[in-house]
PDB file of N, CA and C in Angstrom:
ATOM      1  N   MET A   1     -12.183  17.126   1.897  1.00  0.00           N
ATOM      2  CA  MET A   1     -11.525  16.084   1.117  1.00  0.00           C
ATOM      3  C   MET A   1     -11.841  16.287  -0.359  1.00  0.00           C
ATOM      4  N   ASN A   2     -10.928  15.820  -1.180  1.00  0.00           N
ATOM      5  CA  ASN A   2     -11.194  15.901  -2.604  1.00  0.00           C
ATOM      6  C   ASN A   2     -11.423  14.498  -3.160  1.00  0.00           C
ATOM      7  N   TYR A   3     -11.845  14.446  -4.397  1.00  0.00           N
ATOM      8  CA  TYR A   3     -12.202  13.180  -5.056  1.00  0.00           C
ATOM      9  C   TYR A   3     -11.039  12.191  -5.060  1.00  0.00           C
ATOM     10  N   THR A   4      -9.844  12.667  -5.401  1.00  0.00           N
ATOM     11  CA  THR A   4      -8.674  11.797  -5.472  1.00  0.00           C
ATOM     12  C   THR A   4      -8.361  11.195  -4.098  1.00  0.00           C
ATOM     13  N   LYS A   5      -8.425  12.012  -3.048  1.00  0.00           N
ATOM     14  CA  LYS A   5      -8.164  11.522  -1.689  1.00  0.00           C
ATOM     15  C   LYS A   5      -9.239  10.519  -1.274  1.00  0.00           C
ATOM     16  N   ASP A   6     -10.499  10.780  -1.648  1.00  0.00           N
ATOM     17  CA  ASP A   6     -11.586   9.842  -1.331  1.00  0.00           C
ATOM     18  C   ASP A   6     -11.359   8.487  -2.001  1.00  0.00           C
ATOM     19  N   ILE A   7     -10.935   8.504  -3.259  1.00  0.00           N
ATOM     20  CA  ILE A   7     -10.652   7.261  -3.981  1.00  0.00           C
ATOM     21  C   ILE A   7      -9.496   6.523  -3.308  1.00  0.00           C
ATOM     22  N   GLY A   8      -8.462   7.264  -2.923  1.00  0.00           N
ATOM     23  CA  GLY A   8      -7.319   6.662  -2.231  1.00  0.00           C
ATOM     24  C   GLY A   8      -7.714   6.021  -0.911  1.00  0.00           C
ATOM     25  N   ASN A   9      -8.531   6.719  -0.136  1.00  0.00           N
ATOM     26  CA  ASN A   9      -9.001   6.169   1.149  1.00  0.00           C
ATOM     27  C   ASN A   9      -9.858   4.925   0.935  1.00  0.00           C
ATOM     28  N   PHE A  10     -10.692   4.953  -0.095  1.00  0.00           N
ATOM     29  CA  PHE A  10     -11.522   3.800  -0.434  1.00  0.00           C
ATOM     30  C   PHE A  10     -10.638   2.589  -0.749  1.00  0.00           C
ATOM     31  N   GLY A  11      -9.599   2.801  -1.556  1.00  0.00           N
ATOM     32  CA  GLY A  11      -8.671   1.731  -1.900  1.00  0.00           C
ATOM     33  C   GLY A  11      -7.936   1.196  -0.683  1.00  0.00           C
ATOM     34  N   GLU A  12      -7.523   2.080   0.213  1.00  0.00           N
ATOM     35  CA  GLU A  12      -6.846   1.640   1.435  1.00  0.00           C
ATOM     36  C   GLU A  12      -7.781   0.814   2.313  1.00  0.00           C
ATOM     37  N   ASP A  13      -9.049   1.191   2.369  1.00  0.00           N
ATOM     38  CA  ASP A  13     -10.032   0.409   3.139  1.00  0.00           C
ATOM     39  C   ASP A  13     -10.178  -0.997   2.560  1.00  0.00           C
ATOM     40  N   ILE A  14     -10.224  -1.091   1.243  1.00  0.00           N
ATOM     41  CA  ILE A  14     -10.332  -2.405   0.581  1.00  0.00           C
ATOM     42  C   ILE A  14      -9.083  -3.234   0.857  1.00  0.00           C
ATOM     43  N   ALA A  15      -7.918  -2.609   0.737  1.00  0.00           N
ATOM     44  CA  ALA A  15      -6.659  -3.321   0.982  1.00  0.00           C
ATOM     45  C   ALA A  15      -6.572  -3.795   2.430  1.00  0.00           C
ATOM     46  N   LYS A  16      -6.991  -2.961   3.354  1.00  0.00           N
ATOM     47  CA  LYS A  16      -6.968  -3.344   4.769  1.00  0.00           C
ATOM     48  C   LYS A  16      -7.836  -4.577   5.000  1.00  0.00           C
ATOM     49  N   LYS A  17      -9.039  -4.584   4.462  1.00  0.00           N
ATOM     50  CA  LYS A  17      -9.929  -5.735   4.609  1.00  0.00           C
ATOM     51  C   LYS A  17      -9.321  -6.979   3.962  1.00  0.00           C
ATOM     52  N   TYR A  18      -8.710  -6.808   2.803  1.00  0.00           N
ATOM     53  CA  TYR A  18      -8.059  -7.914   2.091  1.00  0.00           C
ATOM     54  C   TYR A  18      -7.004  -8.580   2.982  1.00  0.00           C
ATOM     55  N   PHE A  19      -6.148  -7.764   3.619  1.00  0.00           N
ATOM     56  CA  PHE A  19      -5.098  -8.313   4.476  1.00  0.00           C
ATOM     57  C   PHE A  19      -5.675  -8.931   5.748  1.00  0.00           C
ATOM     58  N   LEU A  20      -6.650  -8.276   6.347  1.00  0.00           N
ATOM     59  CA  LEU A  20      -7.267  -8.828   7.558  1.00  0.00           C
ATOM     60  C   LEU A  20      -7.933 -10.173   7.269  1.00  0.00           C
ATOM     61  N   ASP A  21      -8.612 -10.264   6.133  1.00  0.00           N
ATOM     62  CA  ASP A  21      -9.259 -11.525   5.739  1.00  0.00           C
ATOM     63  C   ASP A  21      -8.237 -12.634   5.501  1.00  0.00           C
ATOM     64  N   ALA A  22      -7.002 -12.246   5.147  1.00  0.00           N
ATOM     65  CA  ALA A  22      -5.941 -13.225   4.899  1.00  0.00           C
ATOM     66  C   ALA A  22      -5.176 -13.589   6.181  1.00  0.00           C
ATOM     67  N   GLY A  23      -5.581 -13.029   7.317  1.00  0.00           N
ATOM     68  CA  GLY A  23      -4.968 -13.395   8.590  1.00  0.00           C
ATOM     69  C   GLY A  23      -3.856 -12.491   9.080  1.00  0.00           C
ATOM     70  N   TYR A  24      -3.621 -11.373   8.407  1.00  0.00           N
ATOM     71  CA  TYR A  24      -2.599 -10.433   8.837  1.00  0.00           C
ATOM     72  C   TYR A  24      -3.120  -9.634  10.034  1.00  0.00           C
ATOM     73  N   ILE A  25      -2.209  -9.152  10.854  1.00  0.00           N
ATOM     74  CA  ILE A  25      -2.561  -8.325  12.011  1.00  0.00           C
ATOM     75  C   ILE A  25      -2.290  -6.869  11.648  1.00  0.00           C
ATOM     76  N   TYR A  26      -3.313  -6.052  11.781  1.00  0.00           N
ATOM     77  CA  TYR A  26      -3.217  -4.629  11.446  1.00  0.00           C
ATOM     78  C   TYR A  26      -2.395  -3.896  12.503  1.00  0.00           C
ATOM     79  N   ILE A  27      -1.436  -3.076  12.034  1.00  0.00           N
ATOM     80  CA  ILE A  27      -0.617  -2.272  12.938  1.00  0.00           C
ATOM     81  C   ILE A  27      -1.040  -0.799  12.878  1.00  0.00           C
ATOM     82  N   THR A  28      -0.947  -0.191  11.700  1.00  0.00           N
ATOM     83  CA  THR A  28      -1.293   1.224  11.586  1.00  0.00           C
ATOM     84  C   THR A  28      -1.497   1.613  10.122  1.00  0.00           C
ATOM     85  N   ARG A  29      -1.894   2.866   9.937  1.00  0.00           N
ATOM     86  CA  ARG A  29      -2.220   3.382   8.601  1.00  0.00           C
ATOM     87  C   ARG A  29      -1.682   4.801   8.449  1.00  0.00           C
ATOM     88  N   ASN A  30      -1.262   5.133   7.241  1.00  0.00           N
ATOM     89  CA  ASN A  30      -0.843   6.490   6.868  1.00  0.00           C
ATOM     90  C   ASN A  30       0.248   7.062   7.778  1.00  0.00           C
ATOM     91  N   VAL A  31       1.356   6.342   7.862  1.00  0.00           N
ATOM     92  CA  VAL A  31       2.504   6.789   8.648  1.00  0.00           C
ATOM     93  C   VAL A  31       3.313   7.764   7.805  1.00  0.00           C
ATOM     94  N   LYS A  32       3.472   8.976   8.316  1.00  0.00           N
ATOM     95  CA  LYS A  32       4.199  10.010   7.580  1.00  0.00           C
ATOM     96  C   LYS A  32       5.666  10.028   8.011  1.00  0.00           C
ATOM     97  N   SER A  33       6.524  10.187   7.007  1.00  0.00           N
ATOM     98  CA  SER A  33       7.959  10.326   7.239  1.00  0.00           C
ATOM     99  C   SER A  33       8.485  11.329   6.227  1.00  0.00           C
ATOM    100  N   SER A  34       8.846  12.480   6.694  1.00  0.00           N
ATOM    101  CA  SER A  34       9.281  13.610   5.870  1.00  0.00           C
ATOM    102  C   SER A  34       8.336  13.827   4.694  1.00  0.00           C
ATOM    103  N   HIS A  35       8.734  13.492   3.493  1.00  0.00           N
ATOM    104  CA  HIS A  35       7.925  13.779   2.316  1.00  0.00           C
ATOM    105  C   HIS A  35       7.258  12.529   1.740  1.00  0.00           C
ATOM    106  N   ARG A  36       7.097  11.484   2.540  1.00  0.00           N
ATOM    107  CA  ARG A  36       6.460  10.259   2.039  1.00  0.00           C
ATOM    108  C   ARG A  36       5.598   9.631   3.115  1.00  0.00           C
ATOM    109  N   GLU A  37       4.702   8.779   2.671  1.00  0.00           N
ATOM    110  CA  GLU A  37       3.764   8.133   3.575  1.00  0.00           C
ATOM    111  C   GLU A  37       3.719   6.638   3.301  1.00  0.00           C
ATOM    112  N   ILE A  38       3.699   5.856   4.369  1.00  0.00           N
ATOM    113  CA  ILE A  38       3.474   4.415   4.260  1.00  0.00           C
ATOM    114  C   ILE A  38       1.978   4.221   4.457  1.00  0.00           C
ATOM    115  N   ASP A  39       1.299   3.634   3.472  1.00  0.00           N
ATOM    116  CA  ASP A  39      -0.160   3.538   3.517  1.00  0.00           C
ATOM    117  C   ASP A  39      -0.657   2.628   4.636  1.00  0.00           C
ATOM    118  N   LEU A  40      -0.154   1.408   4.694  1.00  0.00           N
ATOM    119  CA  LEU A  40      -0.612   0.436   5.691  1.00  0.00           C
ATOM    120  C   LEU A  40       0.571  -0.384   6.196  1.00  0.00           C
ATOM    121  N   ILE A  41       0.473  -0.810   7.457  1.00  0.00           N
ATOM    122  CA  ILE A  41       1.488  -1.705   8.019  1.00  0.00           C
ATOM    123  C   ILE A  41       0.775  -2.846   8.732  1.00  0.00           C
ATOM    124  N   PHE A  42       1.233  -4.069   8.454  1.00  0.00           N
ATOM    125  CA  PHE A  42       0.673  -5.279   9.046  1.00  0.00           C
ATOM    126  C   PHE A  42       1.795  -6.156   9.573  1.00  0.00           C
ATOM    127  N   LYS A  43       1.408  -7.159  10.352  1.00  0.00           N
ATOM    128  CA  LYS A  43       2.338  -8.210  10.779  1.00  0.00           C
ATOM    129  C   LYS A  43       1.705  -9.548  10.454  1.00  0.00           C
ATOM    130  N   ILE A  44       2.554 -10.482  10.102  1.00  0.00           N
ATOM    131  CA  ILE A  44       2.131 -11.874   9.979  1.00  0.00           C
ATOM    132  C   ILE A  44       3.310 -12.714  10.447  1.00  0.00           C
ATOM    133  N   LYS A  45       3.038 -13.574  11.405  1.00  0.00           N
ATOM    134  CA  LYS A  45       4.097 -14.350  12.067  1.00  0.00           C
ATOM    135  C   LYS A  45       5.124 -13.354  12.599  1.00  0.00           C
ATOM    136  N   ASN A  46       6.373 -13.483  12.217  1.00  0.00           N
ATOM    137  CA  ASN A  46       7.396 -12.553  12.723  1.00  0.00           C
ATOM    138  C   ASN A  46       7.796 -11.511  11.671  1.00  0.00           C
ATOM    139  N   GLU A  47       6.987 -11.356  10.647  1.00  0.00           N
ATOM    140  CA  GLU A  47       7.325 -10.462   9.535  1.00  0.00           C
ATOM    141  C   GLU A  47       6.456  -9.200   9.549  1.00  0.00           C
ATOM    142  N   THR A  48       7.093  -8.051   9.318  1.00  0.00           N
ATOM    143  CA  THR A  48       6.379  -6.785   9.183  1.00  0.00           C
ATOM    144  C   THR A  48       6.163  -6.520   7.702  1.00  0.00           C
ATOM    145  N   ILE A  49       4.919  -6.193   7.347  1.00  0.00           N
ATOM    146  CA  ILE A  49       4.560  -5.954   5.949  1.00  0.00           C
ATOM    147  C   ILE A  49       4.193  -4.479   5.793  1.00  0.00           C
ATOM    148  N   PHE A  50       4.971  -3.770   4.992  1.00  0.00           N
ATOM    149  CA  PHE A  50       4.656  -2.387   4.638  1.00  0.00           C
ATOM    150  C   PHE A  50       3.900  -2.457   3.319  1.00  0.00           C
ATOM    151  N   VAL A  51       2.813  -1.693   3.211  1.00  0.00           N
ATOM    152  CA  VAL A  51       1.954  -1.804   2.039  1.00  0.00           C
ATOM    153  C   VAL A  51       1.759  -0.441   1.385  1.00  0.00           C
ATOM    154  N   GLU A  52       2.035  -0.392   0.095  1.00  0.00           N
ATOM    155  CA  GLU A  52       1.712   0.772  -0.742  1.00  0.00           C
ATOM    156  C   GLU A  52       0.462   0.413  -1.523  1.00  0.00           C
ATOM    157  N   VAL A  53      -0.543   1.275  -1.455  1.00  0.00           N
ATOM    158  CA  VAL A  53      -1.814   1.027  -2.132  1.00  0.00           C
ATOM    159  C   VAL A  53      -1.971   2.037  -3.262  1.00  0.00           C
ATOM    160  N   LYS A  54      -2.257   1.532  -4.458  1.00  0.00           N
ATOM    161  CA  LYS A  54      -2.557   2.375  -5.611  1.00  0.00           C
ATOM    162  C   LYS A  54      -3.960   2.025  -6.080  1.00  0.00           C
ATOM    163  N   THR A  55      -4.811   3.027  -6.123  1.00  0.00           N
ATOM    164  CA  THR A  55      -6.205   2.823  -6.526  1.00  0.00           C
ATOM    165  C   THR A  55      -6.444   3.561  -7.835  1.00  0.00           C
ATOM    166  N   ARG A  56      -7.018   2.868  -8.784  1.00  0.00           N
ATOM    167  CA  ARG A  56      -7.264   3.442 -10.110  1.00  0.00           C
ATOM    168  C   ARG A  56      -8.690   3.152 -10.560  1.00  0.00           C
ATOM    169  N   ILE A  57      -9.288   4.140 -11.204  1.00  0.00           N
ATOM    170  CA  ILE A  57     -10.550   3.930 -11.904  1.00  0.00           C
ATOM    171  C   ILE A  57     -10.163   3.359 -13.267  1.00  0.00           C
ATOM    172  N   ILE A  58     -10.760   2.254 -13.644  1.00  0.00           N
ATOM    173  CA  ILE A  58     -10.384   1.596 -14.900  1.00  0.00           C
ATOM    174  C   ILE A  58     -10.768   2.467 -16.100  1.00  0.00           C
ATOM    175  N   ASN A  59      -9.743   2.758 -16.895  1.00  0.00           N
ATOM    176  CA  ASN A  59      -9.927   3.381 -18.210  1.00  0.00           C
ATOM    177  C   ASN A  59      -8.702   3.011 -19.031  1.00  0.00           C
ATOM    178  N   HIS A  60      -8.689   3.397 -20.259  1.00  0.00           N
ATOM    179  CA  HIS A  60      -7.604   3.025 -21.167  1.00  0.00           C
ATOM    180  C   HIS A  60      -6.236   3.455 -20.621  1.00  0.00           C
ATOM    181  N   GLU A  61      -6.143   4.673 -20.101  1.00  0.00           N
ATOM    182  CA  GLU A  61      -4.863   5.201 -19.627  1.00  0.00           C
ATOM    183  C   GLU A  61      -4.424   4.553 -18.318  1.00  0.00           C
ATOM    184  N   SER A  62      -5.359   4.264 -17.429  1.00  0.00           N
ATOM    185  CA  SER A  62      -4.974   3.712 -16.123  1.00  0.00           C
ATOM    186  C   SER A  62      -4.342   2.338 -16.253  1.00  0.00           C
ATOM    187  N   LEU A  63      -4.691   1.592 -17.274  1.00  0.00           N
ATOM    188  CA  LEU A  63      -4.139   0.254 -17.450  1.00  0.00           C
ATOM    189  C   LEU A  63      -2.717   0.288 -18.006  1.00  0.00           C
ATOM    190  N   LYS A  64      -2.325   1.409 -18.628  1.00  0.00           N
ATOM    191  CA  LYS A  64      -0.974   1.540 -19.170  1.00  0.00           C
ATOM    192  C   LYS A  64      -0.011   2.139 -18.143  1.00  0.00           C
ATOM    193  N   GLU A  65      -0.541   2.751 -17.119  1.00  0.00           N
ATOM    194  CA  GLU A  65       0.250   3.480 -16.152  1.00  0.00           C
ATOM    195  C   GLU A  65       1.063   2.549 -15.241  1.00  0.00           C
ATOM    196  N   THR A  66       2.306   2.925 -14.964  1.00  0.00           N
ATOM    197  CA  THR A  66       3.131   2.188 -14.011  1.00  0.00           C
ATOM    198  C   THR A  66       2.673   2.553 -12.606  1.00  0.00           C
ATOM    199  N   PRO A  67       2.360   1.557 -11.770  1.00  0.00           N
ATOM    200  CA  PRO A  67       1.816   1.863 -10.450  1.00  0.00           C
ATOM    201  C   PRO A  67       2.763   2.627  -9.524  1.00  0.00           C
ATOM    202  N   ILE A  68       4.067   2.370  -9.635  1.00  0.00           N
ATOM    203  CA  ILE A  68       5.000   3.019  -8.717  1.00  0.00           C
ATOM    204  C   ILE A  68       6.289   3.362  -9.467  1.00  0.00           C
ATOM    205  N   SER A  69       6.717   4.594  -9.327  1.00  0.00           N
ATOM    206  CA  SER A  69       7.931   5.050 -10.015  1.00  0.00           C
ATOM    207  C   SER A  69       9.169   4.732  -9.174  1.00  0.00           C
ATOM    208  N   ARG A  70      10.331   4.853  -9.777  1.00  0.00           N
ATOM    209  CA  ARG A  70      11.584   4.644  -9.034  1.00  0.00           C
ATOM    210  C   ARG A  70      11.719   5.666  -7.914  1.00  0.00           C
ATOM    211  N   PHE A  71      11.304   6.897  -8.195  1.00  0.00           N
ATOM    212  CA  PHE A  71      11.357   7.967  -7.193  1.00  0.00           C
ATOM    213  C   PHE A  71      10.469   7.612  -6.001  1.00  0.00           C
ATOM    214  N   GLN A  72       9.252   7.133  -6.275  1.00  0.00           N
ATOM    215  CA  GLN A  72       8.345   6.731  -5.197  1.00  0.00           C
ATOM    216  C   GLN A  72       8.922   5.553  -4.414  1.00  0.00           C
ATOM    217  N   ALA A  73       9.508   4.602  -5.105  1.00  0.00           N
ATOM    218  CA  ALA A  73      10.110   3.440  -4.441  1.00  0.00           C
ATOM    219  C   ALA A  73      11.234   3.889  -3.512  1.00  0.00           C
ATOM    220  N   LYS A  74      12.055   4.817  -3.963  1.00  0.00           N
ATOM    221  CA  LYS A  74      13.155   5.334  -3.151  1.00  0.00           C
ATOM    222  C   LYS A  74      12.609   6.046  -1.911  1.00  0.00           C
ATOM    223  N   ASN A  75      11.586   6.864  -2.089  1.00  0.00           N
ATOM    224  CA  ASN A  75      10.969   7.547  -0.953  1.00  0.00           C
ATOM    225  C   ASN A  75      10.367   6.556   0.039  1.00  0.00           C
ATOM    226  N   LEU A  76       9.734   5.511  -0.478  1.00  0.00           N
ATOM    227  CA  LEU A  76       9.171   4.484   0.396  1.00  0.00           C
ATOM    228  C   LEU A  76      10.267   3.779   1.190  1.00  0.00           C
ATOM    229  N   GLN A  77      11.372   3.485   0.543  1.00  0.00           N
ATOM    230  CA  GLN A  77      12.489   2.845   1.242  1.00  0.00           C
ATOM    231  C   GLN A  77      12.966   3.708   2.410  1.00  0.00           C
ATOM    232  N   HIS A  78      13.059   5.014   2.187  1.00  0.00           N
ATOM    233  CA  HIS A  78      13.480   5.924   3.257  1.00  0.00           C
ATOM    234  C   HIS A  78      12.444   5.967   4.383  1.00  0.00           C
ATOM    235  N   ALA A  79      11.183   6.016   4.020  1.00  0.00           N
ATOM    236  CA  ALA A  79      10.122   6.041   5.033  1.00  0.00           C
ATOM    237  C   ALA A  79      10.122   4.753   5.857  1.00  0.00           C
ATOM    238  N   ILE A  80      10.303   3.623   5.193  1.00  0.00           N
ATOM    239  CA  ILE A  80      10.352   2.333   5.885  1.00  0.00           C
ATOM    240  C   ILE A  80      11.565   2.278   6.819  1.00  0.00           C
ATOM    241  N   LEU A  81      12.698   2.751   6.350  1.00  0.00           N
ATOM    242  CA  LEU A  81      13.900   2.774   7.184  1.00  0.00           C
ATOM    243  C   LEU A  81      13.675   3.642   8.420  1.00  0.00           C
ATOM    244  N   ASP A  82      13.131   4.839   8.237  1.00  0.00           N
ATOM    245  CA  ASP A  82      12.838   5.730   9.365  1.00  0.00           C
ATOM    246  C   ASP A  82      11.907   5.060  10.374  1.00  0.00           C
ATOM    247  N   TYR A  83      10.818   4.491   9.875  1.00  0.00           N
ATOM    248  CA  TYR A  83       9.845   3.837  10.748  1.00  0.00           C
ATOM    249  C   TYR A  83      10.479   2.657  11.474  1.00  0.00           C
ATOM    250  N   SER A  84      11.280   1.889  10.777  1.00  0.00           N
ATOM    251  CA  SER A  84      11.916   0.706  11.358  1.00  0.00           C
ATOM    252  C   SER A  84      12.910   1.072  12.460  1.00  0.00           C
ATOM    253  N   ILE A  85      13.658   2.126  12.244  1.00  0.00           N
ATOM    254  CA  ILE A  85      14.606   2.582  13.268  1.00  0.00           C
ATOM    255  C   ILE A  85      13.848   3.044  14.516  1.00  0.00           C
ATOM    256  N   LYS A  86      12.821   3.866  14.320  1.00  0.00           N
ATOM    257  CA  LYS A  86      12.044   4.393  15.455  1.00  0.00           C
ATOM    258  C   LYS A  86      11.320   3.288  16.224  1.00  0.00           C
ATOM    259  N   ASN A  87      10.923   2.225  15.527  1.00  0.00           N
ATOM    260  CA  ASN A  87      10.129   1.168  16.150  1.00  0.00           C
ATOM    261  C   ASN A  87      10.899  -0.140  16.347  1.00  0.00           C
ATOM    262  N   LYS A  88      12.210  -0.072  16.153  1.00  0.00           N
ATOM    263  CA  LYS A  88      13.104  -1.223  16.363  1.00  0.00           C
ATOM    264  C   LYS A  88      12.635  -2.468  15.603  1.00  0.00           C
ATOM    265  N   ILE A  89      12.415  -2.285  14.317  1.00  0.00           N
ATOM    266  CA  ILE A  89      11.998  -3.392  13.450  1.00  0.00           C
ATOM    267  C   ILE A  89      13.210  -3.879  12.665  1.00  0.00           C
ATOM    268  N   ASN A  90      13.425  -5.168  12.704  1.00  0.00           N
ATOM    269  CA  ASN A  90      14.517  -5.787  11.962  1.00  0.00           C
ATOM    270  C   ASN A  90      14.083  -5.924  10.495  1.00  0.00           C
ATOM    271  N   LEU A  91      14.772  -5.225   9.614  1.00  0.00           N
ATOM    272  CA  LEU A  91      14.398  -5.236   8.197  1.00  0.00           C
ATOM    273  C   LEU A  91      14.655  -6.573   7.515  1.00  0.00           C
ATOM    274  N   ASP A  92      15.385  -7.460   8.177  1.00  0.00           N
ATOM    275  CA  ASP A  92      15.545  -8.815   7.638  1.00  0.00           C
ATOM    276  C   ASP A  92      14.214  -9.564   7.661  1.00  0.00           C
ATOM    277  N   TYR A  93      13.296  -9.082   8.502  1.00  0.00           N
ATOM    278  CA  TYR A  93      11.972  -9.699   8.637  1.00  0.00           C
ATOM    279  C   TYR A  93      10.886  -8.704   8.241  1.00  0.00           C
ATOM    280  N   ALA A  94      11.115  -8.023   7.132  1.00  0.00           N
ATOM    281  CA  ALA A  94      10.154  -7.031   6.642  1.00  0.00           C
ATOM    282  C   ALA A  94      10.129  -7.080   5.123  1.00  0.00           C
ATOM    283  N   ARG A  95       9.015  -6.618   4.569  1.00  0.00           N
ATOM    284  CA  ARG A  95       8.919  -6.529   3.114  1.00  0.00           C
ATOM    285  C   ARG A  95       7.957  -5.396   2.746  1.00  0.00           C
ATOM    286  N   LEU A  96       8.054  -4.971   1.497  1.00  0.00           N
ATOM    287  CA  LEU A  96       7.144  -3.967   0.954  1.00  0.00           C
ATOM    288  C   LEU A  96       6.281  -4.634  -0.103  1.00  0.00           C
ATOM    289  N   ASP A  97       4.981  -4.580   0.095  1.00  0.00           N
ATOM    290  CA  ASP A  97       4.024  -5.117  -0.867  1.00  0.00           C
ATOM    291  C   ASP A  97       3.295  -3.973  -1.554  1.00  0.00           C
ATOM    292  N   LEU A  98       2.877  -4.219  -2.767  1.00  0.00           N
ATOM    293  CA  LEU A  98       2.074  -3.265  -3.532  1.00  0.00           C
ATOM    294  C   LEU A  98       0.701  -3.878  -3.763  1.00  0.00           C
ATOM    295  N   ILE A  99      -0.319  -3.117  -3.451  1.00  0.00           N
ATOM    296  CA  ILE A  99      -1.695  -3.516  -3.743  1.00  0.00           C
ATOM    297  C   ILE A  99      -2.238  -2.532  -4.765  1.00  0.00           C
ATOM    298  N   VAL A 100      -2.699  -3.046  -5.892  1.00  0.00           N
ATOM    299  CA  VAL A 100      -3.327  -2.211  -6.914  1.00  0.00           C
ATOM    300  C   VAL A 100      -4.811  -2.547  -6.920  1.00  0.00           C
ATOM    301  N   ILE A 101      -5.628  -1.535  -6.671  1.00  0.00           N
ATOM    302  CA  ILE A 101      -7.080  -1.677  -6.674  1.00  0.00           C
ATOM    303  C   ILE A 101      -7.572  -1.041  -7.971  1.00  0.00           C
ATOM    304  N   LEU A 102      -8.227  -1.839  -8.808  1.00  0.00           N
ATOM    305  CA  LEU A 102      -8.798  -1.335 -10.061  1.00  0.00           C
ATOM    306  C   LEU A 102     -10.304  -1.292  -9.920  1.00  0.00           C
ATOM    307  N   ILE A 103     -10.851  -0.087  -9.990  1.00  0.00           N
ATOM    308  CA  ILE A 103     -12.289   0.112  -9.808  1.00  0.00           C
ATOM    309  C   ILE A 103     -12.970   0.216 -11.165  1.00  0.00           C
ATOM    310  N   ASP A 104     -13.969  -0.617 -11.373  1.00  0.00           N
ATOM    311  CA  ASP A 104     -14.784  -0.583 -12.592  1.00  0.00           C
ATOM    312  C   ASP A 104     -16.122   0.054 -12.221  1.00  0.00           C
ATOM    313  N   LYS A 105     -16.268   1.346 -12.546  1.00  0.00           N
ATOM    314  CA  LYS A 105     -17.485   2.070 -12.176  1.00  0.00           C
ATOM    315  C   LYS A 105     -18.713   1.537 -12.906  1.00  0.00           C
ATOM    316  N   ASN A 106     -18.528   1.050 -14.143  1.00  0.00           N
ATOM    317  CA  ASN A 106     -19.664   0.542 -14.907  1.00  0.00           C
ATOM    318  C   ASN A 106     -20.239  -0.730 -14.287  1.00  0.00           C
ATOM    319  N   LYS A 107     -19.352  -1.613 -13.852  1.00  0.00           N
ATOM    320  CA  LYS A 107     -19.796  -2.879 -13.259  1.00  0.00           C
ATOM    321  C   LYS A 107     -19.993  -2.775 -11.745  1.00  0.00           C
ATOM    322  N   ARG A 108     -19.590  -1.622 -11.183  1.00  0.00           N
ATOM    323  CA  ARG A 108     -19.716  -1.379  -9.741  1.00  0.00           C
ATOM    324  C   ARG A 108     -18.992  -2.448  -8.925  1.00  0.00           C
ATOM    325  N   CYS A 109     -17.755  -2.718  -9.338  1.00  0.00           N
ATOM    326  CA  CYS A 109     -16.936  -3.698  -8.623  1.00  0.00           C
ATOM    327  C   CYS A 109     -15.472  -3.283  -8.748  1.00  0.00           C
ATOM    328  N   CYS A 110     -14.613  -4.031  -8.086  1.00  0.00           N
ATOM    329  CA  CYS A 110     -13.185  -3.751  -8.205  1.00  0.00           C
ATOM    330  C   CYS A 110     -12.409  -5.058  -8.153  1.00  0.00           C
ATOM    331  N   SER A 111     -11.180  -4.984  -8.623  1.00  0.00           N
ATOM    332  CA  SER A 111     -10.287  -6.139  -8.545  1.00  0.00           C
ATOM    333  C   SER A 111      -9.045  -5.719  -7.769  1.00  0.00           C
ATOM    334  N   ILE A 112      -8.404  -6.711  -7.174  1.00  0.00           N
ATOM    335  CA  ILE A 112      -7.225  -6.472  -6.350  1.00  0.00           C
ATOM    336  C   ILE A 112      -6.059  -7.249  -6.941  1.00  0.00           C
ATOM    337  N   ARG A 113      -4.946  -6.563  -7.105  1.00  0.00           N
ATOM    338  CA  ARG A 113      -3.706  -7.202  -7.527  1.00  0.00           C
ATOM    339  C   ARG A 113      -2.687  -7.013  -6.404  1.00  0.00           C
ATOM    340  N   HIS A 114      -2.144  -8.113  -5.925  1.00  0.00           N
ATOM    341  CA  HIS A 114      -1.202  -8.079  -4.798  1.00  0.00           C
ATOM    342  C   HIS A 114       0.177  -8.510  -5.291  1.00  0.00           C
ATOM    343  N   TYR A 115       1.135  -7.594  -5.168  1.00  0.00           N
ATOM    344  CA  TYR A 115       2.515  -7.877  -5.550  1.00  0.00           C
ATOM    345  C   TYR A 115       3.353  -7.878  -4.275  1.00  0.00           C
ATOM    346  N   LYS A 116       3.953  -9.018  -3.958  1.00  0.00           N
ATOM    347  CA  LYS A 116       4.722  -9.152  -2.713  1.00  0.00           C
ATOM    348  C   LYS A 116       6.189  -8.808  -2.926  1.00  0.00           C
ATOM    349  N   ASN A 117       6.744  -8.178  -1.904  1.00  0.00           N
ATOM    350  CA  ASN A 117       8.182  -7.918  -1.825  1.00  0.00           C
ATOM    351  C   ASN A 117       8.700  -7.218  -3.094  1.00  0.00           C
ATOM    352  N   ILE A 118       8.184  -6.039  -3.363  1.00  0.00           N
ATOM    353  CA  ILE A 118       8.453  -5.364  -4.644  1.00  0.00           C
ATOM    354  C   ILE A 118       9.840  -4.729  -4.739  1.00  0.00           C
ATOM    355  N   ILE A 119      10.499  -4.477  -3.616  1.00  0.00           N
ATOM    356  CA  ILE A 119      11.884  -3.957  -3.680  1.00  0.00           C
ATOM    357  C   ILE A 119      12.754  -4.658  -2.668  1.00  0.00           C
TER     358      ILE A 119
END
């Protein structure tokens, strides 16, 4: 594993705990579809939640960076569609959430930003 992948896995672990603590039911992690990956999938009530996790070490540049590009959003939409077709999920009862994990190495803590239904 490399440093970037380790940071990404760390962020996904934090996001998973965040959703579980909020009462969501964990379905799966790191679902691959052609050239894109869905980081986490949860259910709450009758809704399926697809989650994209972005983990950043806090610095001047990371705070200016856009968490998800249009290209990434388009790829995620295709991955979600593929997964939904294979698993018979009604997209009327689904959403894509973005979790941004900001890690402050100096303070040895992190913050979580949750954006619901981003597309």
